[in-house]
């Protein structure tokens, strides 16, 4: 089994770590981000998704520098994010732009998908979501176990949600989903490699 700290990253006083026990999943029972669909997923579906090897859920917590023990040093979770594997198909033009000539022949490129992301209501509009995305980018650059070029998300097609991901340097994969309930967006991790 991989070391637990491979599934944890600390950055600027925050810790992002995987939920790996039923006790930790109990924290999701009272989660409220103000969105019924997200709340239902985190409360009822996150643990079964883990058990079926479909997704992993991580919690974002504030680190208390005054506390002594590792469990005591973390706040209650202020946000949760769920990941699963993905791939994206880029147009030949985008592949040529992003990849060296020899690699541009790959039709599908590896990605990790943000399945769900929610910030507790009382912590919203305080840039917690942006900080969480920055930590996610770091997590997959520093612990890239199999090759992961992109972070993808099927973002709700709502102005506030799309604006959030655009502000965090995600791009639309295409415009075919312009009138659908969700839009596929992606972030190219290669842009950050070497900056961390």
C-alpha atoms as a PDB file:
ATOM      1  CA  UNK A   1       0.000   0.000   0.000  1.00  0.00           C
ATOM      2  CA  UNK A   2       1.402   3.461  -0.859  1.00  0.00           C
ATOM      3  CA  UNK A   3       2.577   5.693   1.936  1.00  0.00           C
ATOM      4  CA  UNK A   4      -0.164   7.935   3.247  1.00  0.00           C
ATOM      5  CA  UNK A   5       1.931  11.061   2.732  1.00  0.00           C
ATOM      6  CA  UNK A   6       2.002  10.376  -1.020  1.00  0.00           C
ATOM      7  CA  UNK A   7      -1.679  11.227  -0.872  1.00  0.00           C
ATOM      8  CA  UNK A   8      -1.176  14.447   1.062  1.00  0.00           C
ATOM      9  CA  UNK A   9       0.257  17.825   0.222  1.00  0.00           C
ATOM     10  CA  UNK A  10       0.794  20.859   2.424  1.00  0.00           C
ATOM     11  CA  UNK A  11       0.997  24.366   1.040  1.00  0.00           C
ATOM     12  CA  UNK A  12       0.726  27.830   2.622  1.00  0.00           C
ATOM     13  CA  UNK A  13      -0.758  26.538   5.885  1.00  0.00           C
ATOM     14  CA  UNK A  14      -3.245  24.129   4.327  1.00  0.00           C
ATOM     15  CA  UNK A  15      -3.271  20.334   3.965  1.00  0.00           C
ATOM     16  CA  UNK A  16      -4.982  18.401   1.181  1.00  0.00           C
ATOM     17  CA  UNK A  17      -5.230  14.706   2.013  1.00  0.00           C
ATOM     18  CA  UNK A  18      -7.104  11.623   0.932  1.00  0.00           C
ATOM     19  CA  UNK A  19      -9.986  10.241   2.956  1.00  0.00           C
ATOM     20  CA  UNK A  20      -9.044   6.656   3.694  1.00  0.00           C
ATOM     21  CA  UNK A  21     -11.237   5.480   6.573  1.00  0.00           C
ATOM     22  CA  UNK A  22     -14.963   5.239   7.172  1.00  0.00           C
ATOM     23  CA  UNK A  23     -14.520   7.610  10.127  1.00  0.00           C
ATOM     24  CA  UNK A  24     -13.118  10.254   7.803  1.00  0.00           C
ATOM     25  CA  UNK A  25     -16.062   9.780   5.430  1.00  0.00           C
ATOM     26  CA  UNK A  26     -18.397  10.492   8.369  1.00  0.00           C
ATOM     27  CA  UNK A  27     -17.237  14.115   8.130  1.00  0.00           C
ATOM     28  CA  UNK A  28     -19.088  14.309   4.831  1.00  0.00           C
ATOM     29  CA  UNK A  29     -22.483  13.632   6.440  1.00  0.00           C
ATOM     30  CA  UNK A  30     -22.818  17.264   7.552  1.00  0.00           C
ATOM     31  CA  UNK A  31     -21.186  18.812   4.487  1.00  0.00           C
ATOM     32  CA  UNK A  32     -23.117  21.675   2.905  1.00  0.00           C
ATOM     33  CA  UNK A  33     -21.797  23.681  -0.029  1.00  0.00           C
ATOM     34  CA  UNK A  34     -25.203  25.072  -0.974  1.00  0.00           C
ATOM     35  CA  UNK A  35     -25.607  22.791  -4.006  1.00  0.00           C
ATOM     36  CA  UNK A  36     -27.974  19.848  -3.525  1.00  0.00           C
ATOM     37  CA  UNK A  37     -26.342  17.706  -6.225  1.00  0.00           C
ATOM     38  CA  UNK A  38     -22.837  18.137  -4.780  1.00  0.00           C
ATOM     39  CA  UNK A  39     -24.059  17.655  -1.208  1.00  0.00           C
ATOM     40  CA  UNK A  40     -25.798  14.410  -2.170  1.00  0.00           C
ATOM     41  CA  UNK A  41     -22.697  13.075  -3.890  1.00  0.00           C
ATOM     42  CA  UNK A  42     -20.366  13.819  -0.977  1.00  0.00           C
ATOM     43  CA  UNK A  43     -22.817  12.582   1.684  1.00  0.00           C
ATOM     44  CA  UNK A  44     -24.054   9.434  -0.044  1.00  0.00           C
ATOM     45  CA  UNK A  45     -21.869   8.497  -3.019  1.00  0.00           C
ATOM     46  CA  UNK A  46     -18.249   9.370  -2.178  1.00  0.00           C
ATOM     47  CA  UNK A  47     -17.602   6.283  -0.007  1.00  0.00           C
ATOM     48  CA  UNK A  48     -19.264   3.800  -2.421  1.00  0.00           C
ATOM     49  CA  UNK A  49     -17.217   5.344  -5.252  1.00  0.00           C
ATOM     50  CA  UNK A  50     -14.049   4.697  -3.236  1.00  0.00           C
ATOM     51  CA  UNK A  51     -15.106   1.138  -2.408  1.00  0.00           C
ATOM     52  CA  UNK A  52     -15.754   0.404  -6.094  1.00  0.00           C
ATOM     53  CA  UNK A  53     -12.381   1.953  -7.089  1.00  0.00           C
ATOM     54  CA  UNK A  54     -14.143   4.627  -9.133  1.00  0.00           C
ATOM     55  CA  UNK A  55     -12.940   7.766  -7.355  1.00  0.00           C
ATOM     56  CA  UNK A  56     -10.934   9.103  -4.429  1.00  0.00           C
ATOM     57  CA  UNK A  57     -12.041  11.968  -2.216  1.00  0.00           C
ATOM     58  CA  UNK A  58      -9.665  14.463  -0.611  1.00  0.00           C
ATOM     59  CA  UNK A  59     -10.307  16.976   2.178  1.00  0.00           C
ATOM     60  CA  UNK A  60      -8.832  20.454   2.490  1.00  0.00           C
ATOM     61  CA  UNK A  61      -8.026  21.452   6.059  1.00  0.00           C
ATOM     62  CA  UNK A  62      -6.277  24.371   7.711  1.00  0.00           C
ATOM     63  CA  UNK A  63      -3.105  23.431   9.616  1.00  0.00           C
ATOM     64  CA  UNK A  64      -3.031  24.721  13.189  1.00  0.00           C
ATOM     65  CA  UNK A  65       0.591  25.622  13.980  1.00  0.00           C
ATOM     66  CA  UNK A  66      -0.211  25.686  17.734  1.00  0.00           C
ATOM     67  CA  UNK A  67      -1.324  22.022  17.912  1.00  0.00           C
ATOM     68  CA  UNK A  68       1.094  19.229  18.784  1.00  0.00           C
ATOM     69  CA  UNK A  69      -0.271  15.988  17.296  1.00  0.00           C
ATOM     70  CA  UNK A  70      -0.734  15.413  13.564  1.00  0.00           C
ATOM     71  CA  UNK A  71      -4.497  14.793  13.853  1.00  0.00           C
ATOM     72  CA  UNK A  72      -4.924  17.653  16.316  1.00  0.00           C
ATOM     73  CA  UNK A  73      -3.099  20.037  14.025  1.00  0.00           C
ATOM     74  CA  UNK A  74      -5.800  20.001  11.330  1.00  0.00           C
ATOM     75  CA  UNK A  75      -9.100  21.859  11.273  1.00  0.00           C
ATOM     76  CA  UNK A  76     -12.349  20.255  10.258  1.00  0.00           C
ATOM     77  CA  UNK A  77     -12.537  19.997   6.454  1.00  0.00           C
ATOM     78  CA  UNK A  78     -13.509  23.216   4.702  1.00  0.00           C
ATOM     79  CA  UNK A  79     -13.683  21.697   1.205  1.00  0.00           C
ATOM     80  CA  UNK A  80     -13.748  18.342  -0.538  1.00  0.00           C
ATOM     81  CA  UNK A  81     -12.659  17.281  -4.012  1.00  0.00           C
ATOM     82  CA  UNK A  82     -13.063  13.929  -5.751  1.00  0.00           C
ATOM     83  CA  UNK A  83     -10.777  12.623  -8.494  1.00  0.00           C
ATOM     84  CA  UNK A  84     -10.969   9.863 -11.060  1.00  0.00           C
ATOM     85  CA  UNK A  85      -8.938   8.951 -14.116  1.00  0.00           C
ATOM     86  CA  UNK A  86      -9.708  10.514 -17.455  1.00  0.00           C
ATOM     87  CA  UNK A  87      -8.247  11.229 -20.854  1.00  0.00           C
ATOM     88  CA  UNK A  88      -8.912  13.902 -23.386  1.00  0.00           C
ATOM     89  CA  UNK A  89      -8.913  13.896 -27.129  1.00  0.00           C
ATOM     90  CA  UNK A  90      -7.371  17.015 -28.592  1.00  0.00           C
ATOM     91  CA  UNK A  91      -7.729  18.157 -32.160  1.00  0.00           C
ATOM     92  CA  UNK A  92      -4.661  17.543 -34.307  1.00  0.00           C
ATOM     93  CA  UNK A  93      -3.979  21.287 -34.313  1.00  0.00           C
ATOM     94  CA  UNK A  94      -4.032  21.465 -30.488  1.00  0.00           C
ATOM     95  CA  UNK A  95      -1.832  18.365 -30.226  1.00  0.00           C
ATOM     96  CA  UNK A  96       0.756  19.919 -32.554  1.00  0.00           C
ATOM     97  CA  UNK A  97       0.702  23.093 -30.503  1.00  0.00           C
ATOM     98  CA  UNK A  98       1.075  21.352 -27.125  1.00  0.00           C
ATOM     99  CA  UNK A  99       3.289  18.350 -27.883  1.00  0.00           C
ATOM    100  CA  UNK A 100       6.655  17.761 -29.558  1.00  0.00           C
ATOM    101  CA  UNK A 101       6.280  16.483 -33.133  1.00  0.00           C
ATOM    102  CA  UNK A 102       6.990  12.827 -32.236  1.00  0.00           C
ATOM    103  CA  UNK A 103       4.366  12.841 -29.483  1.00  0.00           C
ATOM    104  CA  UNK A 104       1.689  14.732 -31.431  1.00  0.00           C
ATOM    105  CA  UNK A 105       0.476  11.451 -32.904  1.00  0.00           C
ATOM    106  CA  UNK A 106      -1.159  10.431 -29.596  1.00  0.00           C
ATOM    107  CA  UNK A 107      -4.893  10.827 -30.027  1.00  0.00           C
ATOM    108  CA  UNK A 108      -5.787  10.567 -26.325  1.00  0.00           C
ATOM    109  CA  UNK A 109      -3.765  12.188 -23.573  1.00  0.00           C
ATOM    110  CA  UNK A 110      -3.799  11.220 -19.858  1.00  0.00           C
ATOM    111  CA  UNK A 111      -5.696  13.333 -17.370  1.00  0.00           C
ATOM    112  CA  UNK A 112      -7.168  13.334 -13.905  1.00  0.00           C
ATOM    113  CA  UNK A 113     -10.762  14.489 -13.620  1.00  0.00           C
ATOM    114  CA  UNK A 114     -12.164  16.616 -10.858  1.00  0.00           C
ATOM    115  CA  UNK A 115     -15.357  14.644 -10.380  1.00  0.00           C
ATOM    116  CA  UNK A 116     -16.778  16.902  -7.688  1.00  0.00           C
ATOM    117  CA  UNK A 117     -15.487  19.984  -5.861  1.00  0.00           C
ATOM    118  CA  UNK A 118     -17.309  21.739  -3.051  1.00  0.00           C
ATOM    119  CA  UNK A 119     -16.434  24.378  -0.475  1.00  0.00           C
ATOM    120  CA  UNK A 120     -18.493  24.683   2.726  1.00  0.00           C
ATOM    121  CA  UNK A 121     -20.956  27.569   2.459  1.00  0.00           C
ATOM    122  CA  UNK A 122     -19.391  29.547   5.287  1.00  0.00           C
ATOM    123  CA  UNK A 123     -15.993  29.489   3.499  1.00  0.00           C
ATOM    124  CA  UNK A 124     -17.183  30.448   0.022  1.00  0.00           C
ATOM    125  CA  UNK A 125     -16.062  33.659  -1.706  1.00  0.00           C
ATOM    126  CA  UNK A 126     -12.804  33.680   0.254  1.00  0.00           C
ATOM    127  CA  UNK A 127     -10.595  32.231  -2.515  1.00  0.00           C
ATOM    128  CA  UNK A 128     -10.588  28.786  -0.843  1.00  0.00           C
ATOM    129  CA  UNK A 129     -11.638  27.170  -4.150  1.00  0.00           C
ATOM    130  CA  UNK A 130      -8.762  28.840  -5.996  1.00  0.00           C
ATOM    131  CA  UNK A 131      -6.309  27.773  -3.296  1.00  0.00           C
ATOM    132  CA  UNK A 132      -7.694  24.224  -3.496  1.00  0.00           C
ATOM    133  CA  UNK A 133      -7.157  24.141  -7.277  1.00  0.00           C
ATOM    134  CA  UNK A 134      -3.587  25.390  -6.829  1.00  0.00           C
ATOM    135  CA  UNK A 135      -2.966  22.571  -4.360  1.00  0.00           C
ATOM    136  CA  UNK A 136      -4.518  20.043  -6.762  1.00  0.00           C
ATOM    137  CA  UNK A 137      -2.153  21.209  -9.502  1.00  0.00           C
ATOM    138  CA  UNK A 138       0.806  20.788  -7.129  1.00  0.00           C
ATOM    139  CA  UNK A 139      -0.418  17.369  -5.975  1.00  0.00           C
ATOM    140  CA  UNK A 140      -0.491  15.965  -9.482  1.00  0.00           C
ATOM    141  CA  UNK A 141       2.818  17.508 -10.486  1.00  0.00           C
ATOM    142  CA  UNK A 142       4.703  16.283  -7.422  1.00  0.00           C
ATOM    143  CA  UNK A 143       3.073  12.844  -7.168  1.00  0.00           C
ATOM    144  CA  UNK A 144       2.516  12.092 -10.841  1.00  0.00           C
ATOM    145  CA  UNK A 145       2.531   8.295 -10.537  1.00  0.00           C
ATOM    146  CA  UNK A 146       1.547   7.223 -14.049  1.00  0.00           C
ATOM    147  CA  UNK A 147       1.625  10.254 -16.279  1.00  0.00           C
ATOM    148  CA  UNK A 148      -0.987  12.939 -16.016  1.00  0.00           C
ATOM    149  CA  UNK A 149      -0.778  15.857 -18.408  1.00  0.00           C
ATOM    150  CA  UNK A 150      -4.134  17.511 -17.788  1.00  0.00           C
ATOM    151  CA  UNK A 151      -6.686  18.206 -15.105  1.00  0.00           C
ATOM    152  CA  UNK A 152     -10.201  18.054 -16.500  1.00  0.00           C
ATOM    153  CA  UNK A 153     -13.602  18.963 -15.140  1.00  0.00           C
ATOM    154  CA  UNK A 154     -17.149  18.722 -16.413  1.00  0.00           C
ATOM    155  CA  UNK A 155     -18.071  22.163 -15.076  1.00  0.00           C
ATOM    156  CA  UNK A 156     -21.701  23.070 -14.502  1.00  0.00           C
ATOM    157  CA  UNK A 157     -22.715  25.332 -17.368  1.00  0.00           C
ATOM    158  CA  UNK A 158     -23.502  28.220 -15.034  1.00  0.00           C
ATOM    159  CA  UNK A 159     -21.819  31.628 -15.402  1.00  0.00           C
ATOM    160  CA  UNK A 160     -20.431  31.630 -11.839  1.00  0.00           C
ATOM    161  CA  UNK A 161     -18.921  28.146 -12.180  1.00  0.00           C
ATOM    162  CA  UNK A 162     -17.429  28.752 -15.631  1.00  0.00           C
ATOM    163  CA  UNK A 163     -15.991  32.084 -14.475  1.00  0.00           C
ATOM    164  CA  UNK A 164     -14.341  30.304 -11.518  1.00  0.00           C
ATOM    165  CA  UNK A 165     -12.563  27.749 -13.709  1.00  0.00           C
ATOM    166  CA  UNK A 166     -11.610  30.325 -16.356  1.00  0.00           C
ATOM    167  CA  UNK A 167     -10.134  32.527 -13.604  1.00  0.00           C
ATOM    168  CA  UNK A 168      -8.039  29.507 -12.578  1.00  0.00           C
ATOM    169  CA  UNK A 169      -6.595  29.074 -16.096  1.00  0.00           C
ATOM    170  CA  UNK A 170      -8.838  26.244 -17.283  1.00  0.00           C
ATOM    171  CA  UNK A 171      -9.840  26.304 -20.953  1.00  0.00           C
ATOM    172  CA  UNK A 172     -12.826  24.907 -22.807  1.00  0.00           C
ATOM    173  CA  UNK A 173     -11.959  21.708 -24.641  1.00  0.00           C
ATOM    174  CA  UNK A 174     -14.378  22.627 -27.450  1.00  0.00           C
ATOM    175  CA  UNK A 175     -17.645  24.473 -28.049  1.00  0.00           C
ATOM    176  CA  UNK A 176     -19.800  21.426 -28.863  1.00  0.00           C
ATOM    177  CA  UNK A 177     -21.155  21.439 -25.302  1.00  0.00           C
ATOM    178  CA  UNK A 178     -22.016  25.153 -25.206  1.00  0.00           C
ATOM    179  CA  UNK A 179     -25.724  24.426 -24.670  1.00  0.00           C
ATOM    180  CA  UNK A 180     -25.355  21.352 -22.443  1.00  0.00           C
ATOM    181  CA  UNK A 181     -25.679  21.093 -18.652  1.00  0.00           C
ATOM    182  CA  UNK A 182     -21.888  20.778 -18.255  1.00  0.00           C
ATOM    183  CA  UNK A 183     -18.857  21.995 -20.200  1.00  0.00           C
ATOM    184  CA  UNK A 184     -15.605  20.067 -20.488  1.00  0.00           C
ATOM    185  CA  UNK A 185     -12.693  22.210 -19.350  1.00  0.00           C
ATOM    186  CA  UNK A 186      -9.015  21.409 -18.904  1.00  0.00           C
ATOM    187  CA  UNK A 187      -5.803  22.707 -17.394  1.00  0.00           C
ATOM    188  CA  UNK A 188      -2.421  21.770 -18.892  1.00  0.00           C
ATOM    189  CA  UNK A 189      -0.078  20.801 -16.031  1.00  0.00           C
ATOM    190  CA  UNK A 190       2.949  21.216 -18.289  1.00  0.00           C
ATOM    191  CA  UNK A 191       2.503  24.976 -17.961  1.00  0.00           C
ATOM    192  CA  UNK A 192       3.526  24.725 -14.285  1.00  0.00           C
ATOM    193  CA  UNK A 193       6.261  22.128 -14.554  1.00  0.00           C
ATOM    194  CA  UNK A 194       9.537  23.717 -13.600  1.00  0.00           C
ATOM    195  CA  UNK A 195       7.832  26.520 -11.666  1.00  0.00           C
ATOM    196  CA  UNK A 196       7.364  24.455  -8.506  1.00  0.00           C
END
